[in-house]
Amino acid sequence: MASTYDYLDYVLQQLSLLDDISYRPMMGEFIIYYKDKIIGGIFDNRFLVKTTASASAMMPEAERQLPYEGTKEMLLVSDIENKDFLYKLINRMYDELPSVKKKTRGKGI
């Protein structure tokens, strides 16, 4: 089941305390970025974040779920109603996340 734009809008509203949140559609789902780093995504209308030490510490009871078959487990954010919690969670995760590699195109001869 693909995620809906209604759920995306809801998640983005819950993340509205953070500046520089963006998303990118990907095969019916959405990848969520904070300051150009991937923090997680929306998969089957579930908000999942990358498993980092900070996220695991802040959500010790979080369910670990697969976004889709063949990927690494991520953490299900169940406290999606709490904007202050989400603000702290994403900011604490940020330094642990890898930078997104910029794609370069080869130059023709």
C-alpha atoms as a PDB file:
ATOM      1  CA  MET A   1       0.000   0.000   0.000  1.00  0.00           C
ATOM      2  CA  ALA A   2       1.394   3.394  -0.953  1.00  0.00           C
ATOM      3  CA  SER A   3       1.425   6.279   1.502  1.00  0.00           C
ATOM      4  CA  THR A   4      -1.005   9.142   1.048  1.00  0.00           C
ATOM      5  CA  TYR A   5      -0.298  12.828   0.629  1.00  0.00           C
ATOM      6  CA  ASP A   6      -2.777  13.438   3.458  1.00  0.00           C
ATOM      7  CA  TYR A   7      -0.559  11.462   5.854  1.00  0.00           C
ATOM      8  CA  LEU A   8       2.544  13.213   4.493  1.00  0.00           C
ATOM      9  CA  ASP A   9       0.913  16.602   5.164  1.00  0.00           C
ATOM     10  CA  TYR A  10       0.039  15.468   8.690  1.00  0.00           C
ATOM     11  CA  VAL A  11       3.622  14.360   9.439  1.00  0.00           C
ATOM     12  CA  LEU A  12       5.056  17.565   7.967  1.00  0.00           C
ATOM     13  CA  GLN A  13       2.695  19.583  10.169  1.00  0.00           C
ATOM     14  CA  GLN A  14       3.887  17.633  13.221  1.00  0.00           C
ATOM     15  CA  LEU A  15       7.501  18.434  12.229  1.00  0.00           C
ATOM     16  CA  SER A  16       6.714  22.131  11.719  1.00  0.00           C
ATOM     17  CA  LEU A  17       8.859  23.269  14.683  1.00  0.00           C
ATOM     18  CA  LEU A  18      11.912  22.253  12.647  1.00  0.00           C
ATOM     19  CA  ASP A  19      13.314  24.478   9.931  1.00  0.00           C
ATOM     20  CA  ASP A  20      14.516  22.962   6.676  1.00  0.00           C
ATOM     21  CA  ILE A  21      12.359  19.814   6.589  1.00  0.00           C
ATOM     22  CA  SER A  22      11.820  18.494   3.089  1.00  0.00           C
ATOM     23  CA  TYR A  23      10.687  15.309   1.407  1.00  0.00           C
ATOM     24  CA  ARG A  24      11.068  13.409  -1.803  1.00  0.00           C
ATOM     25  CA  PRO A  25       8.575  10.950  -3.259  1.00  0.00           C
ATOM     26  CA  MET A  26       9.998   7.487  -3.851  1.00  0.00           C
ATOM     27  CA  MET A  27       7.936   4.718  -5.430  1.00  0.00           C
ATOM     28  CA  GLY A  28       4.697   5.628  -3.652  1.00  0.00           C
ATOM     29  CA  GLU A  29       6.423   6.466  -0.358  1.00  0.00           C
ATOM     30  CA  PHE A  30       8.227   9.563   0.960  1.00  0.00           C
ATOM     31  CA  ILE A  31      11.792  10.087   2.173  1.00  0.00           C
ATOM     32  CA  ILE A  32      12.028  12.801   4.855  1.00  0.00           C
ATOM     33  CA  TYR A  33      15.076  15.075   5.084  1.00  0.00           C
ATOM     34  CA  TYR A  34      16.253  17.468   7.772  1.00  0.00           C
ATOM     35  CA  LYS A  35      18.946  19.918   6.685  1.00  0.00           C
ATOM     36  CA  ASP A  36      19.724  17.687   3.703  1.00  0.00           C
ATOM     37  CA  LYS A  37      20.179  14.506   5.773  1.00  0.00           C
ATOM     38  CA  ILE A  38      17.750  11.598   5.562  1.00  0.00           C
ATOM     39  CA  ILE A  39      16.041  11.155   8.927  1.00  0.00           C
ATOM     40  CA  GLY A  40      13.558   8.516   7.829  1.00  0.00           C
ATOM     41  CA  GLY A  41      10.424   8.331   5.801  1.00  0.00           C
ATOM     42  CA  ILE A  42       6.787   7.547   5.448  1.00  0.00           C
ATOM     43  CA  PHE A  43       6.143   3.967   4.433  1.00  0.00           C
ATOM     44  CA  ASP A  44       2.618   2.548   4.241  1.00  0.00           C
ATOM     45  CA  ASN A  45       1.420   5.587   6.213  1.00  0.00           C
ATOM     46  CA  ARG A  46       3.881   4.880   9.041  1.00  0.00           C
ATOM     47  CA  PHE A  47       6.472   7.464  10.104  1.00  0.00           C
ATOM     48  CA  LEU A  48       9.742   5.580  10.545  1.00  0.00           C
ATOM     49  CA  VAL A  49      13.087   7.097  11.529  1.00  0.00           C
ATOM     50  CA  LYS A  50      16.581   5.735  11.122  1.00  0.00           C
ATOM     51  CA  THR A  51      17.871   3.678  14.001  1.00  0.00           C
ATOM     52  CA  THR A  52      20.468   5.811  15.766  1.00  0.00           C
ATOM     53  CA  ALA A  53      21.742   5.713  19.338  1.00  0.00           C
ATOM     54  CA  SER A  54      19.799   8.878  20.160  1.00  0.00           C
ATOM     55  CA  ALA A  55      16.550   7.667  18.617  1.00  0.00           C
ATOM     56  CA  SER A  56      16.860   4.305  20.387  1.00  0.00           C
ATOM     57  CA  ALA A  57      17.537   6.050  23.712  1.00  0.00           C
ATOM     58  CA  MET A  58      14.587   8.417  23.306  1.00  0.00           C
ATOM     59  CA  MET A  59      12.215   5.659  22.160  1.00  0.00           C
ATOM     60  CA  PRO A  60      13.387   2.516  23.991  1.00  0.00           C
ATOM     61  CA  GLU A  61      10.041   0.777  23.475  1.00  0.00           C
ATOM     62  CA  ALA A  62       9.735   1.684  19.781  1.00  0.00           C
ATOM     63  CA  GLU A  63       8.831  -1.107  17.400  1.00  0.00           C
ATOM     64  CA  ARG A  64      11.499  -1.899  14.855  1.00  0.00           C
ATOM     65  CA  GLN A  65       9.908  -2.271  11.451  1.00  0.00           C
ATOM     66  CA  LEU A  66      10.993  -2.758   7.878  1.00  0.00           C
ATOM     67  CA  PRO A  67      10.044   0.095   5.573  1.00  0.00           C
ATOM     68  CA  TYR A  68       9.823  -2.525   2.825  1.00  0.00           C
ATOM     69  CA  GLU A  69      11.344  -5.932   2.116  1.00  0.00           C
ATOM     70  CA  GLY A  70      15.132  -6.023   1.821  1.00  0.00           C
ATOM     71  CA  THR A  71      15.911  -2.899   3.870  1.00  0.00           C
ATOM     72  CA  LYS A  72      17.265  -2.193   7.335  1.00  0.00           C
ATOM     73  CA  GLU A  73      14.882  -1.941  10.249  1.00  0.00           C
ATOM     74  CA  MET A  74      13.793   1.502  11.300  1.00  0.00           C
ATOM     75  CA  LEU A  75      12.018   2.795  14.401  1.00  0.00           C
ATOM     76  CA  LEU A  76       8.277   3.443  14.339  1.00  0.00           C
ATOM     77  CA  VAL A  77       7.462   6.853  15.787  1.00  0.00           C
ATOM     78  CA  SER A  78       4.354   6.307  17.885  1.00  0.00           C
ATOM     79  CA  ASP A  79       4.405   9.676  19.715  1.00  0.00           C
ATOM     80  CA  ILE A  80       3.642  11.574  16.516  1.00  0.00           C
ATOM     81  CA  GLU A  81       1.228  13.945  18.301  1.00  0.00           C
ATOM     82  CA  ASN A  82       4.005  15.472  20.435  1.00  0.00           C
ATOM     83  CA  LYS A  83       5.700  18.211  18.372  1.00  0.00           C
ATOM     84  CA  ASP A  84       8.197  19.038  21.142  1.00  0.00           C
ATOM     85  CA  PHE A  85       9.274  15.399  21.338  1.00  0.00           C
ATOM     86  CA  LEU A  86       9.708  15.234  17.552  1.00  0.00           C
ATOM     87  CA  TYR A  87      11.774  18.432  17.606  1.00  0.00           C
ATOM     88  CA  LYS A  88      14.130  16.991  20.232  1.00  0.00           C
ATOM     89  CA  LEU A  89      14.268  13.571  18.556  1.00  0.00           C
ATOM     90  CA  ILE A  90      15.251  14.876  15.126  1.00  0.00           C
ATOM     91  CA  ASN A  91      17.788  17.370  16.494  1.00  0.00           C
ATOM     92  CA  ARG A  92      19.477  14.715  18.631  1.00  0.00           C
ATOM     93  CA  MET A  93      19.599  12.297  15.708  1.00  0.00           C
ATOM     94  CA  TYR A  94      21.054  14.834  13.295  1.00  0.00           C
ATOM     95  CA  ASP A  95      24.762  14.549  14.157  1.00  0.00           C
ATOM     96  CA  GLU A  96      24.591  10.749  13.984  1.00  0.00           C
ATOM     97  CA  LEU A  97      23.200  10.719  10.457  1.00  0.00           C
ATOM     98  CA  PRO A  98      25.439  10.479   7.407  1.00  0.00           C
ATOM     99  CA  SER A  99      25.445  13.295   4.887  1.00  0.00           C
ATOM    100  CA  VAL A 100      23.643  12.566   1.660  1.00  0.00           C
ATOM    101  CA  LYS A 101      26.086  11.918  -1.135  1.00  0.00           C
ATOM    102  CA  LYS A 102      25.604  14.286  -4.034  1.00  0.00           C
ATOM    103  CA  LYS A 103      25.220  12.581  -7.375  1.00  0.00           C
ATOM    104  CA  THR A 104      27.662  13.789  -9.969  1.00  0.00           C
ATOM    105  CA  ARG A 105      27.298  13.443 -13.669  1.00  0.00           C
ATOM    106  CA  GLY A 106      30.194  12.549 -15.863  1.00  0.00           C
ATOM    107  CA  LYS A 107      31.231  15.114 -18.407  1.00  0.00           C
ATOM    108  CA  GLY A 108      31.210  14.258 -22.057  1.00  0.00           C
ATOM    109  CA  ILE A 109      34.399  14.347 -24.034  1.00  0.00           C
END
